[in-house]
Amino acid sequence: MLDNAAQRRVRQPLGKETTMGMNDYVQQARKAIETLNNAGTDETQQQEALNQLIDAGFNALTLWARRFDRENSRETPTPQPGALTQNHGERR
């Protein structure tokens, strides 16, 4: 099972919620590539496979970016004495 940092809540078309992680998006992309390879000259099937591939890539990138932001937000620097505060420009 994936840890919380590797999970993302998504809503399925039938209203059923599932948790998807990076591995799920990789599998989705692989399936789309396989479908694209087997589509032959069927343009509709090719377009659907490309859309699925784009969605999987975008979702994986979004998940990675959220994880990156979450990890970096934990490292808040310690304010130095005499530094200006963000809110009011007052010195500490």
PDB file of N, CA and C in Angstrom:
ATOM      1  N   MET A   1       0.844  -1.185   0.000  1.00  0.00           N
ATOM      2  CA  MET A   1       0.000   0.000   0.000  1.00  0.00           C
ATOM      3  C   MET A   1       0.885   1.242   0.000  1.00  0.00           C
ATOM      4  N   LEU A   2       0.450   2.279  -0.677  1.00  0.00           N
ATOM      5  CA  LEU A   2       1.212   3.515  -0.786  1.00  0.00           C
ATOM      6  C   LEU A   2       1.046   4.372   0.454  1.00  0.00           C
ATOM      7  N   ASP A   3       2.085   5.122   0.789  1.00  0.00           N
ATOM      8  CA  ASP A   3       1.976   6.025   1.934  1.00  0.00           C
ATOM      9  C   ASP A   3       1.193   7.273   1.532  1.00  0.00           C
ATOM     10  N   ASN A   4       0.829   8.086   2.509  1.00  0.00           N
ATOM     11  CA  ASN A   4      -0.008   9.267   2.252  1.00  0.00           C
ATOM     12  C   ASN A   4       0.632  10.246   1.291  1.00  0.00           C
ATOM     13  N   ALA A   5       1.967  10.377   1.330  1.00  0.00           N
ATOM     14  CA  ALA A   5       2.637  11.321   0.443  1.00  0.00           C
ATOM     15  C   ALA A   5       2.512  10.909  -1.019  1.00  0.00           C
ATOM     16  N   ALA A   6       2.297   9.624  -1.275  1.00  0.00           N
ATOM     17  CA  ALA A   6       2.225   9.137  -2.653  1.00  0.00           C
ATOM     18  C   ALA A   6       0.798   8.930  -3.128  1.00  0.00           C
ATOM     19  N   GLN A   7      -0.170   9.433  -2.398  1.00  0.00           N
ATOM     20  CA  GLN A   7      -1.566   9.237  -2.767  1.00  0.00           C
ATOM     21  C   GLN A   7      -2.226  10.547  -3.168  1.00  0.00           C
ATOM     22  N   ARG A   8      -3.228  10.415  -4.014  1.00  0.00           N
ATOM     23  CA  ARG A   8      -3.998  11.577  -4.440  1.00  0.00           C
ATOM     24  C   ARG A   8      -5.445  11.158  -4.561  1.00  0.00           C
ATOM     25  N   ARG A   9      -6.349  11.983  -4.049  1.00  0.00           N
ATOM     26  CA  ARG A   9      -7.764  11.664  -4.136  1.00  0.00           C
ATOM     27  C   ARG A   9      -8.284  12.064  -5.512  1.00  0.00           C
ATOM     28  N   VAL A  10      -8.970  11.146  -6.165  1.00  0.00           N
ATOM     29  CA  VAL A  10      -9.574  11.433  -7.465  1.00  0.00           C
ATOM     30  C   VAL A  10     -11.015  10.945  -7.454  1.00  0.00           C
ATOM     31  N   ARG A  11     -11.847  11.566  -8.255  1.00  0.00           N
ATOM     32  CA  ARG A  11     -13.245  11.170  -8.339  1.00  0.00           C
ATOM     33  C   ARG A  11     -13.458  10.415  -9.650  1.00  0.00           C
ATOM     34  N   GLN A  12     -14.002   9.243  -9.536  1.00  0.00           N
ATOM     35  CA  GLN A  12     -14.284   8.406 -10.691  1.00  0.00           C
ATOM     36  C   GLN A  12     -15.598   8.859 -11.330  1.00  0.00           C
ATOM     37  N   PRO A  13     -15.827   8.524 -12.615  1.00  0.00           N
ATOM     38  CA  PRO A  13     -17.046   8.954 -13.299  1.00  0.00           C
ATOM     39  C   PRO A  13     -18.345   8.547 -12.601  1.00  0.00           C
ATOM     40  N   LEU A  14     -18.362   7.418 -11.916  1.00  0.00           N
ATOM     41  CA  LEU A  14     -19.590   6.966 -11.260  1.00  0.00           C
ATOM     42  C   LEU A  14     -19.758   7.552  -9.869  1.00  0.00           C
ATOM     43  N   GLY A  15     -18.887   8.497  -9.495  1.00  0.00           N
ATOM     44  CA  GLY A  15     -18.976   9.104  -8.186  1.00  0.00           C
ATOM     45  C   GLY A  15     -18.242   8.322  -7.111  1.00  0.00           C
ATOM     46  N   LYS A  16     -17.578   7.248  -7.510  1.00  0.00           N
ATOM     47  CA  LYS A  16     -16.840   6.419  -6.554  1.00  0.00           C
ATOM     48  C   LYS A  16     -15.440   7.001  -6.380  1.00  0.00           C
ATOM     49  N   GLU A  17     -15.061   7.273  -5.134  1.00  0.00           N
ATOM     50  CA  GLU A  17     -13.742   7.842  -4.878  1.00  0.00           C
ATOM     51  C   GLU A  17     -12.718   6.734  -4.667  1.00  0.00           C
ATOM     52  N   THR A  18     -11.550   6.929  -5.245  1.00  0.00           N
ATOM     53  CA  THR A  18     -10.443   6.008  -5.027  1.00  0.00           C
ATOM     54  C   THR A  18      -9.194   6.824  -4.764  1.00  0.00           C
ATOM     55  N   THR A  19      -8.173   6.170  -4.268  1.00  0.00           N
ATOM     56  CA  THR A  19      -6.902   6.826  -4.032  1.00  0.00           C
ATOM     57  C   THR A  19      -5.924   6.313  -5.071  1.00  0.00           C
ATOM     58  N   MET A  20      -5.333   7.241  -5.816  1.00  0.00           N
ATOM     59  CA  MET A  20      -4.373   6.843  -6.844  1.00  0.00           C
ATOM     60  C   MET A  20      -3.011   7.418  -6.495  1.00  0.00           C
ATOM     61  N   GLY A  21      -1.987   6.629  -6.724  1.00  0.00           N
ATOM     62  CA  GLY A  21      -0.624   7.057  -6.491  1.00  0.00           C
ATOM     63  C   GLY A  21       0.160   7.059  -7.788  1.00  0.00           C
ATOM     64  N   MET A  22       1.431   7.355  -7.685  1.00  0.00           N
ATOM     65  CA  MET A  22       2.285   7.459  -8.850  1.00  0.00           C
ATOM     66  C   MET A  22       2.299   6.158  -9.664  1.00  0.00           C
ATOM     67  N   ASN A  23       2.351   5.015  -8.999  1.00  0.00           N
ATOM     68  CA  ASN A  23       2.371   3.732  -9.714  1.00  0.00           C
ATOM     69  C   ASN A  23       1.100   3.528 -10.534  1.00  0.00           C
ATOM     70  N   ASP A  24      -0.024   3.998 -10.015  1.00  0.00           N
ATOM     71  CA  ASP A  24      -1.284   3.885 -10.753  1.00  0.00           C
ATOM     72  C   ASP A  24      -1.242   4.712 -12.037  1.00  0.00           C
ATOM     73  N   TYR A  25      -0.654   5.896 -11.960  1.00  0.00           N
ATOM     74  CA  TYR A  25      -0.558   6.743 -13.151  1.00  0.00           C
ATOM     75  C   TYR A  25       0.406   6.153 -14.173  1.00  0.00           C
ATOM     76  N   VAL A  26       1.464   5.516 -13.708  1.00  0.00           N
ATOM     77  CA  VAL A  26       2.399   4.855 -14.617  1.00  0.00           C
ATOM     78  C   VAL A  26       1.690   3.707 -15.331  1.00  0.00           C
ATOM     79  N   GLN A  27       0.921   2.915 -14.592  1.00  0.00           N
ATOM     80  CA  GLN A  27       0.161   1.826 -15.209  1.00  0.00           C
ATOM     81  C   GLN A  27      -0.858   2.353 -16.211  1.00  0.00           C
ATOM     82  N   GLN A  28      -1.510   3.464 -15.871  1.00  0.00           N
ATOM     83  CA  GLN A  28      -2.485   4.082 -16.774  1.00  0.00           C
ATOM     84  C   GLN A  28      -1.794   4.527 -18.066  1.00  0.00           C
ATOM     85  N   ALA A  29      -0.606   5.105 -17.954  1.00  0.00           N
ATOM     86  CA  ALA A  29       0.136   5.544 -19.128  1.00  0.00           C
ATOM     87  C   ALA A  29       0.565   4.357 -19.979  1.00  0.00           C
ATOM     88  N   ARG A  30       1.026   3.291 -19.346  1.00  0.00           N
ATOM     89  CA  ARG A  30       1.433   2.088 -20.094  1.00  0.00           C
ATOM     90  C   ARG A  30       0.261   1.495 -20.859  1.00  0.00           C
ATOM     91  N   LYS A  31      -0.908   1.461 -20.221  1.00  0.00           N
ATOM     92  CA  LYS A  31      -2.104   0.931 -20.874  1.00  0.00           C
ATOM     93  C   LYS A  31      -2.485   1.807 -22.077  1.00  0.00           C
ATOM     94  N   ALA A  32      -2.374   3.124 -21.901  1.00  0.00           N
ATOM     95  CA  ALA A  32      -2.701   4.043 -23.005  1.00  0.00           C
ATOM     96  C   ALA A  32      -1.733   3.851 -24.167  1.00  0.00           C
ATOM     97  N   ILE A  33      -0.449   3.655 -23.870  1.00  0.00           N
ATOM     98  CA  ILE A  33       0.539   3.434 -24.932  1.00  0.00           C
ATOM     99  C   ILE A  33       0.239   2.130 -25.666  1.00  0.00           C
ATOM    100  N   GLU A  34      -0.116   1.085 -24.918  1.00  0.00           N
ATOM    101  CA  GLU A  34      -0.470  -0.199 -25.538  1.00  0.00           C
ATOM    102  C   GLU A  34      -1.691  -0.041 -26.438  1.00  0.00           C
ATOM    103  N   THR A  35      -2.696   0.695 -25.952  1.00  0.00           N
ATOM    104  CA  THR A  35      -3.900   0.941 -26.746  1.00  0.00           C
ATOM    105  C   THR A  35      -3.561   1.719 -28.013  1.00  0.00           C
ATOM    106  N   LEU A  36      -2.675   2.694 -27.867  1.00  0.00           N
ATOM    107  CA  LEU A  36      -2.256   3.498 -29.014  1.00  0.00           C
ATOM    108  C   LEU A  36      -1.535   2.636 -30.050  1.00  0.00           C
ATOM    109  N   ASN A  37      -0.681   1.744 -29.579  1.00  0.00           N
ATOM    110  CA  ASN A  37       0.044   0.852 -30.492  1.00  0.00           C
ATOM    111  C   ASN A  37      -0.889  -0.100 -31.220  1.00  0.00           C
ATOM    112  N   ASN A  38      -1.978  -0.513 -30.570  1.00  0.00           N
ATOM    113  CA  ASN A  38      -2.919  -1.456 -31.164  1.00  0.00           C
ATOM    114  C   ASN A  38      -4.042  -0.774 -31.937  1.00  0.00           C
ATOM    115  N   ALA A  39      -4.072   0.546 -31.939  1.00  0.00           N
ATOM    116  CA  ALA A  39      -5.178   1.272 -32.569  1.00  0.00           C
ATOM    117  C   ALA A  39      -5.158   1.178 -34.091  1.00  0.00           C
ATOM    118  N   GLY A  40      -4.002   0.958 -34.661  1.00  0.00           N
ATOM    119  CA  GLY A  40      -3.920   0.886 -36.117  1.00  0.00           C
ATOM    120  C   GLY A  40      -4.255   2.225 -36.732  1.00  0.00           C
ATOM    121  N   THR A  41      -5.219   2.219 -37.657  1.00  0.00           N
ATOM    122  CA  THR A  41      -5.595   3.455 -38.348  1.00  0.00           C
ATOM    123  C   THR A  41      -6.873   4.075 -37.788  1.00  0.00           C
ATOM    124  N   ASP A  42      -7.403   3.517 -36.713  1.00  0.00           N
ATOM    125  CA  ASP A  42      -8.628   4.037 -36.099  1.00  0.00           C
ATOM    126  C   ASP A  42      -8.309   5.338 -35.358  1.00  0.00           C
ATOM    127  N   GLU A  43      -8.653   6.471 -35.989  1.00  0.00           N
ATOM    128  CA  GLU A  43      -8.315   7.779 -35.430  1.00  0.00           C
ATOM    129  C   GLU A  43      -9.022   8.051 -34.108  1.00  0.00           C
ATOM    130  N   THR A  44     -10.245   7.564 -33.955  1.00  0.00           N
ATOM    131  CA  THR A  44     -10.977   7.775 -32.706  1.00  0.00           C
ATOM    132  C   THR A  44     -10.267   7.076 -31.552  1.00  0.00           C
ATOM    133  N   GLN A  45      -9.870   5.839 -31.775  1.00  0.00           N
ATOM    134  CA  GLN A  45      -9.169   5.081 -30.743  1.00  0.00           C
ATOM    135  C   GLN A  45      -7.795   5.707 -30.453  1.00  0.00           C
ATOM    136  N   GLN A  46      -7.139   6.197 -31.494  1.00  0.00           N
ATOM    137  CA  GLN A  46      -5.851   6.866 -31.308  1.00  0.00           C
ATOM    138  C   GLN A  46      -6.014   8.113 -30.439  1.00  0.00           C
ATOM    139  N   GLN A  47      -7.044   8.915 -30.727  1.00  0.00           N
ATOM    140  CA  GLN A  47      -7.273  10.141 -29.970  1.00  0.00           C
ATOM    141  C   GLN A  47      -7.613   9.847 -28.514  1.00  0.00           C
ATOM    142  N   GLU A  48      -8.438   8.836 -28.275  1.00  0.00           N
ATOM    143  CA  GLU A  48      -8.785   8.462 -26.898  1.00  0.00           C
ATOM    144  C   GLU A  48      -7.541   8.003 -26.135  1.00  0.00           C
ATOM    145  N   ALA A  49      -6.685   7.221 -26.774  1.00  0.00           N
ATOM    146  CA  ALA A  49      -5.462   6.740 -26.130  1.00  0.00           C
ATOM    147  C   ALA A  49      -4.523   7.899 -25.835  1.00  0.00           C
ATOM    148  N   LEU A  50      -4.403   8.836 -26.764  1.00  0.00           N
ATOM    149  CA  LEU A  50      -3.562  10.010 -26.529  1.00  0.00           C
ATOM    150  C   LEU A  50      -4.097  10.848 -25.369  1.00  0.00           C
ATOM    151  N   ASN A  51      -5.409  11.022 -25.304  1.00  0.00           N
ATOM    152  CA  ASN A  51      -6.002  11.770 -24.191  1.00  0.00           C
ATOM    153  C   ASN A  51      -5.728  11.085 -22.849  1.00  0.00           C
ATOM    154  N   GLN A  52      -5.829   9.759 -22.825  1.00  0.00           N
ATOM    155  CA  GLN A  52      -5.539   9.018 -21.593  1.00  0.00           C
ATOM    156  C   GLN A  52      -4.075   9.164 -21.199  1.00  0.00           C
ATOM    157  N   LEU A  53      -3.193   9.138 -22.184  1.00  0.00           N
ATOM    158  CA  LEU A  53      -1.763   9.289 -21.923  1.00  0.00           C
ATOM    159  C   LEU A  53      -1.446  10.680 -21.377  1.00  0.00           C
ATOM    160  N   ILE A  54      -2.068  11.689 -21.972  1.00  0.00           N
ATOM    161  CA  ILE A  54      -1.872  13.065 -21.503  1.00  0.00           C
ATOM    162  C   ILE A  54      -2.407  13.212 -20.080  1.00  0.00           C
ATOM    163  N   ASP A  55      -3.589  12.659 -19.800  1.00  0.00           N
ATOM    164  CA  ASP A  55      -4.163  12.732 -18.450  1.00  0.00           C
ATOM    165  C   ASP A  55      -3.263  12.055 -17.424  1.00  0.00           C
ATOM    166  N   ALA A  56      -2.757  10.878 -17.760  1.00  0.00           N
ATOM    167  CA  ALA A  56      -1.891  10.152 -16.821  1.00  0.00           C
ATOM    168  C   ALA A  56      -0.614  10.942 -16.547  1.00  0.00           C
ATOM    169  N   GLY A  57      -0.025  11.510 -17.579  1.00  0.00           N
ATOM    170  CA  GLY A  57       1.185  12.307 -17.401  1.00  0.00           C
ATOM    171  C   GLY A  57       0.938  13.561 -16.585  1.00  0.00           C
ATOM    172  N   PHE A  58      -0.152  14.239 -16.874  1.00  0.00           N
ATOM    173  CA  PHE A  58      -0.490  15.455 -16.133  1.00  0.00           C
ATOM    174  C   PHE A  58      -0.758  15.138 -14.660  1.00  0.00           C
ATOM    175  N   ASN A  59      -1.522  14.073 -14.403  1.00  0.00           N
ATOM    176  CA  ASN A  59      -1.829  13.696 -13.020  1.00  0.00           C
ATOM    177  C   ASN A  59      -0.581  13.294 -12.252  1.00  0.00           C
ATOM    178  N   ALA A  60       0.320  12.562 -12.904  1.00  0.00           N
ATOM    179  CA  ALA A  60       1.572  12.168 -12.254  1.00  0.00           C
ATOM    180  C   ALA A  60       2.419  13.396 -11.946  1.00  0.00           C
ATOM    181  N   LEU A  61       2.499  14.323 -12.879  1.00  0.00           N
ATOM    182  CA  LEU A  61       3.274  15.546 -12.664  1.00  0.00           C
ATOM    183  C   LEU A  61       2.665  16.395 -11.548  1.00  0.00           C
ATOM    184  N   THR A  62       1.345  16.485 -11.510  1.00  0.00           N
ATOM    185  CA  THR A  62       0.662  17.228 -10.453  1.00  0.00           C
ATOM    186  C   THR A  62       0.920  16.592  -9.087  1.00  0.00           C
ATOM    187  N   LEU A  63       0.849  15.262  -9.031  1.00  0.00           N
ATOM    188  CA  LEU A  63       1.120  14.561  -7.775  1.00  0.00           C
ATOM    189  C   LEU A  63       2.550  14.823  -7.320  1.00  0.00           C
ATOM    190  N   TRP A  64       3.491  14.752  -8.245  1.00  0.00           N
ATOM    191  CA  TRP A  64       4.896  15.000  -7.903  1.00  0.00           C
ATOM    192  C   TRP A  64       5.074  16.434  -7.403  1.00  0.00           C
ATOM    193  N   ALA A  65       4.451  17.399  -8.075  1.00  0.00           N
ATOM    194  CA  ALA A  65       4.591  18.803  -7.682  1.00  0.00           C
ATOM    195  C   ALA A  65       4.004  19.041  -6.290  1.00  0.00           C
ATOM    196  N   ARG A  66       2.868  18.432  -5.993  1.00  0.00           N
ATOM    197  CA  ARG A  66       2.273  18.586  -4.658  1.00  0.00           C
ATOM    198  C   ARG A  66       3.166  17.988  -3.591  1.00  0.00           C
ATOM    199  N   ARG A  67       3.745  16.818  -3.891  1.00  0.00           N
ATOM    200  CA  ARG A  67       4.658  16.176  -2.942  1.00  0.00           C
ATOM    201  C   ARG A  67       5.888  17.056  -2.737  1.00  0.00           C
ATOM    202  N   PHE A  68       6.415  17.611  -3.815  1.00  0.00           N
ATOM    203  CA  PHE A  68       7.595  18.484  -3.744  1.00  0.00           C
ATOM    204  C   PHE A  68       7.285  19.719  -2.898  1.00  0.00           C
ATOM    205  N   ASP A  69       6.130  20.354  -3.144  1.00  0.00           N
ATOM    206  CA  ASP A  69       5.732  21.533  -2.363  1.00  0.00           C
ATOM    207  C   ASP A  69       5.560  21.195  -0.892  1.00  0.00           C
ATOM    208  N   ARG A  70       4.935  20.060  -0.626  1.00  0.00           N
ATOM    209  CA  ARG A  70       4.697  19.651   0.764  1.00  0.00           C
ATOM    210  C   ARG A  70       6.021  19.412   1.491  1.00  0.00           C
ATOM    211  N   GLU A  71       6.972  18.755   0.831  1.00  0.00           N
ATOM    212  CA  GLU A  71       8.269  18.492   1.451  1.00  0.00           C
ATOM    213  C   GLU A  71       9.052  19.773   1.677  1.00  0.00           C
ATOM    214  N   ASN A  72       8.983  20.696   0.730  1.00  0.00           N
ATOM    215  CA  ASN A  72       9.730  21.946   0.864  1.00  0.00           C
ATOM    216  C   ASN A  72       9.088  22.904   1.857  1.00  0.00           C
ATOM    217  N   SER A  73       7.787  22.807   2.058  1.00  0.00           N
ATOM    218  CA  SER A  73       7.121  23.718   2.994  1.00  0.00           C
ATOM    219  C   SER A  73       7.450  23.356   4.440  1.00  0.00           C
ATOM    220  N   ARG A  74       7.932  22.139   4.667  1.00  0.00           N
ATOM    221  CA  ARG A  74       8.309  21.722   6.023  1.00  0.00           C
ATOM    222  C   ARG A  74       9.577  22.424   6.483  1.00  0.00           C
ATOM    223  N   GLU A  75      10.392  22.832   5.549  1.00  0.00           N
ATOM    224  CA  GLU A  75      11.667  23.446   5.882  1.00  0.00           C
ATOM    225  C   GLU A  75      11.525  24.964   5.925  1.00  0.00           C
ATOM    226  N   THR A  76      10.913  25.467   6.974  1.00  0.00           N
ATOM    227  CA  THR A  76      10.756  26.914   7.120  1.00  0.00           C
ATOM    228  C   THR A  76      11.987  27.465   7.834  1.00  0.00           C
ATOM    229  N   PRO A  77      12.603  28.464   7.270  1.00  0.00           N
ATOM    230  CA  PRO A  77      13.812  29.006   7.877  1.00  0.00           C
ATOM    231  C   PRO A  77      13.511  29.712   9.200  1.00  0.00           C
ATOM    232  N   THR A  78      14.467  29.668  10.104  1.00  0.00           N
ATOM    233  CA  THR A  78      14.341  30.353  11.385  1.00  0.00           C
ATOM    234  C   THR A  78      14.627  31.834  11.177  1.00  0.00           C
ATOM    235  N   PRO A  79      13.720  32.721  11.602  1.00  0.00           N
ATOM    236  CA  PRO A  79      13.957  34.151  11.414  1.00  0.00           C
ATOM    237  C   PRO A  79      15.186  34.616  12.204  1.00  0.00           C
ATOM    238  N   GLN A  80      15.954  35.467  11.596  1.00  0.00           N
ATOM    239  CA  GLN A  80      17.139  36.005  12.240  1.00  0.00           C
ATOM    240  C   GLN A  80      16.760  37.218  13.087  1.00  0.00           C
ATOM    241  N   PRO A  81      17.439  37.443  14.201  1.00  0.00           N
ATOM    242  CA  PRO A  81      17.157  38.633  15.008  1.00  0.00           C
ATOM    243  C   PRO A  81      17.384  39.898  14.185  1.00  0.00           C
ATOM    244  N   GLY A  82      16.454  40.824  14.264  1.00  0.00           N
ATOM    245  CA  GLY A  82      16.557  42.070  13.519  1.00  0.00           C
ATOM    246  C   GLY A  82      15.999  41.998  12.105  1.00  0.00           C
ATOM    247  N   ALA A  83      15.539  40.807  11.682  1.00  0.00           N
ATOM    248  CA  ALA A  83      14.992  40.661  10.331  1.00  0.00           C
ATOM    249  C   ALA A  83      13.584  41.243  10.281  1.00  0.00           C
ATOM    250  N   LEU A  84      13.183  41.729   9.109  1.00  0.00           N
ATOM    251  CA  LEU A  84      11.832  42.260   8.942  1.00  0.00           C
ATOM    252  C   LEU A  84      10.836  41.110   8.905  1.00  0.00           C
ATOM    253  N   THR A  85       9.678  41.295   9.537  1.00  0.00           N
ATOM    254  CA  THR A  85       8.642  40.273   9.463  1.00  0.00           C
ATOM    255  C   THR A  85       7.905  40.441   8.149  1.00  0.00           C
ATOM    256  N   GLN A  86       7.287  39.372   7.674  1.00  0.00           N
ATOM    257  CA  GLN A  86       6.586  39.411   6.393  1.00  0.00           C
ATOM    258  C   GLN A  86       5.350  40.284   6.445  1.00  0.00           C
ATOM    259  N   ASN A  87       4.626  40.235   7.537  1.00  0.00           N
ATOM    260  CA  ASN A  87       3.309  40.870   7.581  1.00  0.00           C
ATOM    261  C   ASN A  87       3.354  42.386   7.708  1.00  0.00           C
ATOM    262  N   HIS A  88       4.182  42.919   8.569  1.00  0.00           N
ATOM    263  CA  HIS A  88       4.084  44.340   8.869  1.00  0.00           C
ATOM    264  C   HIS A  88       5.367  45.123   8.645  1.00  0.00           C
ATOM    265  N   GLY A  89       6.414  44.452   8.230  1.00  0.00           N
ATOM    266  CA  GLY A  89       7.665  45.158   8.024  1.00  0.00           C
ATOM    267  C   GLY A  89       8.303  45.608   9.333  1.00  0.00           C
ATOM    268  N   GLU A  90       7.879  45.026  10.435  1.00  0.00           N
ATOM    269  CA  GLU A  90       8.438  45.391  11.738  1.00  0.00           C
ATOM    270  C   GLU A  90       9.667  44.539  12.010  1.00  0.00           C
ATOM    271  N   ARG A  91      10.575  45.102  12.749  1.00  0.00           N
ATOM    272  CA  ARG A  91      11.769  44.340  13.121  1.00  0.00           C
ATOM    273  C   ARG A  91      11.466  43.460  14.320  1.00  0.00           C
ATOM    274  N   ARG A  92      12.073  42.292  14.326  1.00  0.00           N
ATOM    275  CA  ARG A  92      11.908  41.361  15.461  1.00  0.00           C
ATOM    276  C   ARG A  92      12.818  41.756  16.576  1.00  0.00           C
TER     277      ARG A  92
END
